[in-house]
Protein backbone atom coordinates (compact mmCIF):
# COMPACT_ATOMS: atom_id res chain seq x y z
CA MET A 1 80.89 7.71 -120.18
CA GLU A 2 84.54 8.72 -118.33
CA LEU A 3 85.03 11.74 -116.21
CA LEU A 4 88.76 12.22 -116.38
CA ALA A 5 90.69 14.29 -114.14
CA PRO A 6 94.31 16.02 -113.95
CA ALA A 7 96.60 15.71 -111.77
CA GLY A 8 99.97 17.71 -111.27
CA ASN A 9 101.24 15.73 -107.78
CA PHE A 10 100.36 12.68 -105.86
CA GLU A 11 97.90 14.71 -103.36
CA LYS A 12 96.16 16.25 -105.96
CA LEU A 13 95.29 12.46 -107.38
CA ARG A 14 94.51 11.28 -104.24
CA VAL A 15 91.96 14.34 -104.40
CA ALA A 16 90.58 13.90 -107.75
CA LEU A 17 89.99 9.63 -107.21
CA LEU A 18 88.21 10.38 -103.69
CA TYR A 19 85.60 13.00 -105.32
CA GLY A 20 84.75 10.72 -108.22
CA ALA A 21 87.35 10.70 -111.01
CA ASP A 22 87.05 7.48 -112.80
CA ALA A 23 90.80 7.97 -114.72
CA ILE A 24 93.53 10.43 -113.67
CA TYR A 25 96.18 11.89 -116.56
CA CYS A 26 99.43 13.03 -115.05
CA ALA A 27 103.23 13.08 -116.41
CA GLY A 28 106.46 11.79 -115.41
CA PRO A 29 109.58 14.19 -115.50
CA GLU A 30 109.68 14.28 -118.92
CA PHE A 31 108.24 14.44 -122.45
CA GLY A 32 104.68 16.50 -121.34
CA LEU A 33 103.33 19.64 -121.57
CA ARG A 34 103.30 20.94 -117.88
CA SER A 35 106.91 21.28 -117.18
CA GLY A 36 105.93 23.58 -114.53
CA ALA A 37 103.61 21.05 -112.38
CA GLU A 38 105.62 19.47 -109.84
CA ASN A 39 104.77 16.02 -112.39
CA PHE A 40 105.84 12.54 -110.83
CA SER A 41 108.74 10.50 -110.07
CA ASP A 42 109.19 7.25 -111.60
CA HIS A 43 108.99 5.80 -107.89
CA GLU A 44 105.71 7.92 -107.16
CA LEU A 45 104.22 6.98 -110.65
CA THR A 46 104.84 3.21 -109.60
CA GLN A 47 102.67 4.15 -106.64
CA ALA A 48 100.47 6.05 -108.11
CA VAL A 49 99.23 3.13 -110.79
CA ALA A 50 98.76 0.87 -107.53
CA TYR A 51 96.75 3.33 -105.82
CA ALA A 52 94.62 3.95 -108.83
CA HIS A 53 94.35 0.09 -109.62
CA GLU A 54 93.37 -0.91 -106.18
CA ARG A 55 90.13 1.74 -106.51
CA GLY A 56 89.20 0.21 -109.97
CA ARG A 57 90.62 3.54 -111.82
CA LYS A 58 92.98 4.50 -114.37
CA LEU A 59 95.83 6.27 -114.95
CA TYR A 60 96.88 7.76 -118.17
CA ILE A 61 100.53 8.97 -119.10
CA THR A 62 101.16 12.38 -121.20
CA LEU A 63 103.79 12.41 -123.63
CA ASN A 64 102.61 15.03 -125.90
CA ALA A 65 105.28 17.35 -126.11
CA PHE A 66 106.96 17.58 -129.82
CA LEU A 67 110.35 15.54 -129.39
CA HIS A 68 113.35 16.19 -131.37
CA ASP A 69 115.93 13.17 -131.77
CA ALA A 70 118.37 14.04 -128.84
CA ASP A 71 115.12 13.75 -126.97
CA LEU A 72 114.25 10.63 -128.04
CA VAL A 73 117.31 8.72 -126.98
CA ARG A 74 115.84 8.79 -123.32
CA LEU A 75 112.22 7.75 -124.46
CA PRO A 76 112.20 4.19 -125.05
CA GLU A 77 113.93 3.52 -121.57
CA PHE A 78 110.79 5.33 -120.12
CA VAL A 79 108.37 3.51 -122.13
CA ARG A 80 109.39 -0.16 -121.33
CA PHE A 81 109.21 1.58 -117.50
CA LEU A 82 105.36 2.67 -118.22
CA ASN A 83 104.88 -0.94 -119.61
CA GLU A 84 105.92 -2.46 -116.41
CA ILE A 85 104.39 -0.46 -114.32
CA ALA A 86 100.76 -1.17 -116.30
CA VAL A 87 99.90 2.57 -116.95
CA ASP A 88 96.56 2.26 -118.76
CA ALA A 89 97.23 4.48 -121.59
CA VAL A 90 99.58 7.35 -122.62
CA ILE A 91 99.03 10.25 -124.40
CA VAL A 92 100.59 11.22 -127.58
CA SER A 93 100.72 13.90 -130.48
CA ASP A 94 103.50 12.90 -132.35
CA LEU A 95 103.97 10.28 -135.10
CA GLY A 96 107.59 9.66 -133.94
CA VAL A 97 107.06 9.27 -130.17
CA MET A 98 104.06 6.85 -131.04
CA SER A 99 106.57 4.45 -133.03
CA VAL A 100 108.83 4.36 -130.10
CA ILE A 101 105.81 3.39 -127.89
CA GLN A 102 105.08 0.49 -130.04
CA GLN A 103 108.09 -1.07 -130.36
CA HIS A 104 108.76 -0.68 -126.70
CA SER A 105 105.55 -1.65 -125.17
CA ARG A 106 101.71 -2.82 -125.29
CA ILE A 107 100.56 0.27 -123.81
CA PRO A 108 96.87 1.60 -125.59
CA ILE A 109 98.20 5.10 -127.21
CA HIS A 110 95.34 8.08 -127.03
CA LEU A 111 95.82 10.88 -129.56
CA SER A 112 96.58 14.20 -127.80
CA THR A 113 94.26 17.27 -128.06
CA GLN A 114 97.15 18.73 -129.27
CA ALA A 115 97.78 16.90 -132.49
CA SER A 116 94.75 18.69 -133.45
CA CYS A 117 92.49 16.21 -134.91
CA LEU A 118 89.08 17.62 -136.30
CA ASN A 119 87.56 15.59 -139.02
CA SER A 120 87.27 11.94 -139.75
CA TRP A 121 89.68 11.46 -142.47
CA SER A 122 92.32 12.69 -139.68
CA ALA A 123 90.66 10.17 -137.29
CA ARG A 124 90.98 7.54 -139.67
CA PHE A 125 94.55 7.89 -140.21
CA TRP A 126 95.24 8.15 -136.37
CA LYS A 127 93.46 5.13 -135.92
CA GLN A 128 95.56 3.36 -138.81
CA MET A 129 98.64 4.41 -137.09
CA GLY A 130 97.10 2.69 -133.89
CA ALA A 131 95.75 5.11 -131.62
CA THR A 132 92.78 3.70 -129.57
CA ARG A 133 91.22 6.93 -128.57
CA LEU A 134 91.31 10.33 -129.99
CA ILE A 135 91.15 13.44 -127.54
CA LEU A 136 89.70 15.79 -130.30
CA GLY A 137 91.06 19.62 -130.90
CA ARG A 138 88.82 22.00 -128.83
CA GLU A 139 87.56 23.64 -132.04
CA VAL A 140 84.96 20.58 -132.31
CA SER A 141 81.79 20.63 -131.49
CA ILE A 142 79.82 17.84 -129.58
CA THR A 143 77.91 16.89 -132.71
CA GLU A 144 81.10 16.72 -134.69
CA ALA A 145 82.78 14.61 -132.14
CA GLU A 146 80.03 11.99 -132.23
CA THR A 147 79.79 12.00 -135.62
CA ILE A 148 83.91 11.49 -135.80
CA GLY A 149 83.36 8.42 -133.36
CA ARG A 150 80.55 6.88 -135.51
CA LYS A 151 82.29 7.10 -138.53
CA VAL A 152 85.60 5.85 -137.63
CA GLY A 153 84.64 3.21 -134.97
CA ILE A 154 86.76 5.06 -132.26
CA GLU A 155 86.21 6.14 -128.68
CA VAL A 156 86.43 10.29 -128.97
CA GLU A 157 87.31 12.31 -125.88
CA LEU A 158 86.13 16.16 -125.16
CA PHE A 159 87.28 18.71 -122.95
CA ILE A 160 84.33 19.75 -120.46
CA HIS A 161 86.31 22.03 -118.04
CA GLY A 162 89.25 24.31 -117.75
CA ALA A 163 91.47 26.80 -119.43
CA MET A 164 91.13 27.36 -123.32
CA CYS A 165 93.61 28.48 -125.92
CA SER A 166 92.71 31.26 -128.50
CA ALA A 167 95.18 29.38 -130.74
CA TYR A 168 94.57 25.76 -132.14
CA SER A 169 95.76 23.23 -130.12
CA GLY A 170 99.36 22.61 -130.95
CA HIS A 171 99.41 25.78 -133.24
CA CYS A 172 100.55 28.43 -130.66
CA VAL A 173 104.21 30.14 -130.63
CA ILE A 174 103.58 33.26 -128.71
CA SER A 175 105.43 31.86 -126.43
CA ASN A 176 108.40 31.49 -128.69
CA TYR A 177 107.90 34.89 -129.27
CA THR A 178 108.20 36.79 -126.12
CA ALA A 179 109.59 34.49 -123.68
CA GLY A 180 112.20 32.02 -126.06
CA ARG A 181 110.00 29.49 -124.43
CA ASP A 182 108.46 26.53 -126.80
CA SER A 183 104.41 25.43 -125.26
CA ASN A 184 104.86 22.65 -127.90
CA ARG A 185 107.63 21.38 -125.43
CA GLY A 186 106.47 22.32 -122.52
CA GLY A 187 107.53 25.67 -122.08
CA CYS A 188 104.57 28.01 -122.30
CA VAL A 189 104.46 31.37 -120.31
CA GLN A 190 100.77 32.40 -121.12
CA SER A 191 101.79 35.05 -122.96
CA CYS A 192 97.92 35.04 -124.26
CA ARG A 193 96.95 36.23 -120.90
CA MET A 194 98.98 39.49 -120.99
CA PRO A 195 97.05 42.98 -122.18
CA TYR A 196 97.78 44.08 -125.30
CA GLU A 197 97.86 47.26 -126.98
CA VAL A 198 97.14 47.50 -130.72
CA VAL A 199 99.08 50.06 -133.06
CA THR A 200 96.79 50.92 -135.77
CA ASP A 201 98.04 54.49 -137.19
CA SER A 202 102.05 54.60 -137.18
CA ILE A 203 105.03 52.61 -136.47
CA THR A 204 105.55 55.43 -133.62
CA ASN A 205 104.22 53.75 -130.86
CA TYR A 206 105.25 50.34 -131.94
CA GLU A 207 108.69 51.65 -131.73
CA LEU A 208 108.19 53.33 -128.43
CA GLY A 209 107.11 49.98 -126.68
CA ILE A 210 110.01 48.31 -127.65
CA LYS A 211 112.89 51.11 -127.32
CA ASN A 212 112.19 52.60 -123.84
CA SER A 213 112.29 49.71 -121.19
CA ASN A 214 109.65 51.76 -118.96
CA HIS A 215 106.99 51.78 -121.49
CA GLN A 216 103.79 50.72 -120.25
CA PRO A 217 100.68 49.57 -121.57
CA PRO A 218 97.78 52.38 -121.70
CA ALA A 219 94.59 51.86 -119.67
CA THR A 220 92.87 50.83 -122.83
CA ALA A 221 95.35 47.75 -123.23
CA GLN A 222 93.48 44.71 -123.16
CA THR A 223 93.76 40.56 -123.05
CA LEU A 224 92.95 40.38 -126.59
CA MET A 225 93.74 36.79 -126.73
CA SER A 226 93.16 35.40 -123.64
CA SER A 227 89.93 32.91 -123.96
CA LYS A 228 87.38 32.37 -120.94
CA ASP A 229 87.70 28.79 -119.62
CA LEU A 230 85.21 26.54 -120.74
CA ARG A 231 82.69 25.32 -118.31
CA GLY A 232 80.29 22.25 -120.36
CA ILE A 233 78.39 21.25 -117.36
CA ARG A 234 74.94 22.69 -119.23
CA LEU A 235 75.88 20.27 -121.97
CA LEU A 236 77.07 17.40 -120.20
CA PRO A 237 73.33 15.31 -121.23
CA LYS A 238 74.36 16.05 -124.99
CA PHE A 239 78.21 14.51 -123.97
CA VAL A 240 76.66 10.94 -122.94
CA GLY A 241 73.70 11.22 -126.03
CA ALA A 242 76.73 11.57 -128.27
CA GLY A 243 78.61 8.56 -126.85
CA ILE A 244 81.35 10.96 -125.95
CA ALA A 245 84.05 8.02 -124.33
CA SER A 246 85.31 10.43 -121.56
CA ALA A 247 84.58 14.00 -120.46
CA LYS A 248 87.87 15.68 -119.30
CA ILE A 249 89.01 18.40 -116.81
CA GLU A 250 92.46 20.19 -117.80
CA GLY A 251 94.32 21.62 -114.96
CA ARG A 252 97.30 19.93 -114.11
CA MET A 253 98.63 23.20 -112.82
CA LYS A 254 95.88 23.83 -110.77
CA GLY A 255 95.67 23.09 -106.82
CA PRO A 256 93.62 20.49 -104.77
CA LEU A 257 90.89 23.03 -104.32
CA TYR A 258 90.18 23.20 -107.99
CA ALA A 259 90.51 19.67 -108.07
CA ALA A 260 88.27 18.57 -105.68
CA THR A 261 85.67 21.14 -106.65
CA THR A 262 85.40 20.33 -110.71
CA VAL A 263 85.59 16.35 -110.11
CA ARG A 264 82.97 16.61 -107.09
CA THR A 265 80.38 18.79 -109.38
CA TYR A 266 80.82 17.01 -112.40
CA ALA A 267 80.60 13.51 -110.60
CA GLU A 268 77.66 14.64 -109.24
CA ALA A 269 76.31 15.97 -112.41
CA LEU A 270 76.98 12.93 -114.25
CA ARG A 271 75.04 10.81 -111.34
CA TRP A 272 72.37 12.88 -111.98
CA VAL A 273 72.00 12.43 -115.35
CA ARG A 274 72.34 8.48 -115.59
CA THR A 275 69.62 8.38 -112.69
CA GLN A 276 66.94 10.88 -112.76
CA PRO A 277 64.48 11.74 -115.42
CA PRO A 278 65.13 14.37 -118.20
CA GLU A 279 62.96 17.10 -117.21
CA THR A 280 64.98 17.30 -113.83
CA TRP A 281 68.80 17.99 -115.52
CA PRO A 282 68.27 21.37 -116.67
CA GLU A 283 67.57 22.82 -113.25
CA ARG A 284 69.81 20.25 -111.47
CA LEU A 285 72.66 21.33 -113.36
CA GLU A 286 72.62 25.05 -113.30
CA ALA A 287 72.11 24.61 -109.38
CA LEU A 288 75.61 22.50 -109.48
CA SER A 289 77.31 25.04 -111.45
CA VAL A 290 77.49 27.26 -109.02
CA ASP A 291 80.23 26.05 -106.94
CA LEU A 292 82.19 26.43 -110.22
CA GLU A 293 81.42 29.91 -109.73
CA GLN A 294 83.70 29.71 -106.44
CA LEU A 295 86.65 28.74 -107.95
CA PRO A 296 89.04 31.22 -109.57
CA HIS A 297 88.33 31.97 -112.90
CA ARG A 298 88.39 33.91 -116.20
CA GLY A 299 84.94 34.15 -116.39
CA TYR A 300 83.29 31.01 -118.35
CA THR A 301 82.36 30.04 -122.04
CA GLU A 302 81.11 26.85 -123.46
CA ALA A 303 83.56 27.52 -126.24
CA SER A 304 82.70 25.69 -129.14
CA LEU A 305 81.14 22.69 -127.79
CA GLU A 306 77.56 23.52 -129.57
CA GLN A 307 78.79 26.36 -132.22
CA PRO A 308 82.34 28.34 -132.96
CA ALA A 309 83.52 30.28 -130.26
CA GLU A 310 82.91 33.78 -131.00
CA ALA A 311 84.54 36.96 -129.85
CA ASP A 312 82.27 37.03 -126.39
CA SER A 313 84.16 34.28 -125.43
CA LEU A 314 87.46 36.38 -125.18
CA GLN A 315 87.97 37.68 -121.72
CA LEU A 316 89.07 41.72 -122.05
CA GLU A 317 89.56 42.07 -118.90
CA SER A 318 92.65 40.75 -117.23
CA GLY A 319 92.60 39.19 -113.54
CA PRO A 320 90.48 36.21 -111.93
CA GLN A 321 86.89 35.84 -110.63
CA GLY A 322 86.17 34.28 -108.19
CA GLU A 323 86.94 34.07 -104.33
CA ALA A 324 87.06 30.88 -102.67
CA GLU A 325 90.77 30.02 -101.92
CA LEU A 326 91.98 26.45 -100.15
CA ALA A 327 92.07 26.83 -96.68
CA GLY A 328 93.61 23.10 -96.35
CA VAL A 329 93.51 19.20 -96.73
CA VAL A 330 91.88 16.95 -94.44
CA LEU A 331 94.87 14.22 -93.39
CA GLU A 332 93.33 12.49 -90.41
CA VAL A 333 89.97 11.75 -88.99
CA ARG A 334 88.84 10.37 -85.78
CA PRO A 335 85.09 9.99 -86.76
CA GLU A 336 82.65 11.24 -84.05
CA LYS A 337 85.73 13.10 -82.44
CA SER A 338 88.17 15.44 -84.81
CA LEU A 339 89.83 15.99 -87.49
CA THR A 340 93.23 17.39 -88.54
CA VAL A 341 93.76 19.34 -91.29
CA LEU A 342 97.13 20.37 -93.18
CA SER A 343 96.48 24.09 -93.30
CA ARG A 344 97.47 25.68 -96.76
CA ASN A 345 96.77 29.44 -95.96
CA VAL A 346 96.12 31.65 -93.31
CA PHE A 347 93.19 31.99 -91.45
CA GLU A 348 92.05 32.94 -87.66
CA ALA A 349 89.50 32.22 -85.42
CA GLY A 350 86.51 33.22 -86.36
CA THR A 351 86.58 33.00 -89.99
CA PRO A 352 84.17 30.49 -91.43
CA LEU A 353 85.52 27.56 -93.65
CA GLU A 354 83.60 24.87 -95.18
CA LEU A 355 84.42 21.03 -95.61
CA LEU A 356 83.71 19.63 -99.30
CA PRO A 357 82.06 16.27 -98.53
CA ILE A 358 81.95 13.92 -101.61
CA ALA A 359 78.89 15.01 -102.82
CA GLY A 360 75.88 16.97 -100.97
CA THR A 361 76.28 20.41 -99.30
CA PRO A 362 79.45 22.00 -98.29
CA VAL A 363 79.69 21.94 -94.25
CA LEU A 364 80.38 24.87 -92.07
CA LEU A 365 83.76 24.11 -90.04
CA SER A 366 83.86 26.27 -87.08
CA THR A 367 87.68 28.07 -86.29
CA SER A 368 86.52 28.86 -83.01
CA GLN A 369 87.76 25.12 -81.51
CA MET A 370 90.66 24.98 -83.65
CA ARG A 371 93.51 23.73 -81.82
CA ASP A 372 97.24 22.97 -82.84
CA SER A 373 99.60 19.70 -82.89
CA SER A 374 99.81 19.82 -78.98
CA SER A 375 95.79 20.25 -78.18
CA GLN A 376 96.43 23.97 -77.18
CA PRO A 377 93.47 26.60 -78.55
CA LEU A 378 94.54 27.97 -81.58
CA GLN A 379 94.06 31.98 -82.73
CA ARG A 380 95.67 31.91 -86.18
CA ALA A 381 96.54 29.18 -88.51
CA THR A 382 99.47 29.47 -90.88
CA PRO A 383 100.36 27.49 -94.24
CA HIS A 384 102.30 24.07 -93.65
CA ARG A 385 100.55 24.13 -89.99
CA LEU A 386 98.25 20.74 -88.29
CA VAL A 387 95.48 22.24 -87.34
CA THR A 388 92.71 20.00 -85.40
CA PHE A 389 88.65 20.76 -85.59
CA PRO A 390 85.83 19.26 -84.05
CA TRP A 391 84.78 16.19 -86.27
CA VAL A 392 81.93 17.06 -88.81
CA PRO A 393 79.81 14.88 -91.02
CA GLY A 394 81.49 14.20 -94.36
CA ALA A 395 85.05 14.68 -93.60
CA LEU A 396 87.35 11.85 -94.85
CA PRO A 397 91.12 11.82 -95.38
CA TRP A 398 91.85 13.91 -98.49
CA THR A 399 88.70 16.42 -98.17
CA VAL A 400 89.56 19.36 -98.95
CA VAL A 401 88.61 22.63 -96.72
CA ARG A 402 87.78 25.83 -98.03
CA MET A 403 87.54 29.72 -97.42
CA PRO A 404 84.06 30.59 -99.42
CA ARG A 405 82.98 34.05 -100.34
CA ARG A 406 81.88 36.07 -97.79
CA LYS A 407 78.81 36.91 -99.07
CA GLN A 408 78.18 33.57 -99.55
CA VAL A 409 78.46 32.60 -96.15
CA GLN A 410 76.93 35.85 -94.28
CA GLN A 411 73.61 34.24 -96.54
CA GLN A 412 74.24 30.60 -94.76
CA ALA A 413 74.65 32.16 -91.55
CA VAL A 414 71.14 33.83 -92.02
């Protein structure tokens, strides 16, 4: 089974591949659903394909926005470019876009989750139209996905980790209403994450909320439409057993720490399931999932992977959980001597840091001996600064350094 990771820019692509992703999905300057991500220029896409292929990995490009005729005018040239640089597949949700791709390239087509393919009849139609893989809607269970793949004879892909929508994939228009931006054309403003007041008895409060620009949600307002984040690591053996072709991690807008932690955790879990006896799986997968608690998240749910998601899949209290922050990314390593980190945060001498190796236990990184680019002792690091540390095992270019939870660091130090 393939482990598929997101990349919003080239740095995150390097990080995800280093930590064990089998394939990367990303986007060019247009036609995708994450216009807020940095995304890749044409030149960067050329480099990204070469970088992935040199390492025996794959690169998929998202073209999953719902496009108008004016958008489609520019699409054929971009498709021909993708064909020339030999991307491994494109991710598509629109039949018109699919037709353009087929007319101007031989690139394999993966159906986006935005198309809400939920059953074998729909799957058979999309296969007839030319799709070679189906990224099924997040409302589909593992069992249903297995049935669809077997009945239709096509690869199926399921999300295993990341942010979730309360709406059916590809059918949300909340951002259109609240902000005049189309989520199906890359403009989602996460309106579902905001607290809302439910009015049941009269129109007066509703009118007050509209007419009074200073109106604030009451203390009872809750994030009624905000789903918890998906965490499917416990169910990884079922993914494998069901013949799921690809387990997908969501998060092109997330940073290098998210990319490193999620890919590292799921890659290690997948290795364990492939090589160790089944009786060892539950305990090991539970232990690995603890690291995912470090990441900022909205609480976790297994959503509809086993049974339809219910009210407990919603996060009714606003604000993320998890306290780990990105400290920096390793740029250079001198084995047995030193490592150089590009800092992404503020930290002082004495602040406990951890380097995330590709596998195994995080390694404590001493800040008491950190130095600046002139080899002078450094008491305080600020973002976008080169900081040198004594070498530690597991350090490689593009490994990530984090500031973990204080409680966990104290426990490790005891």
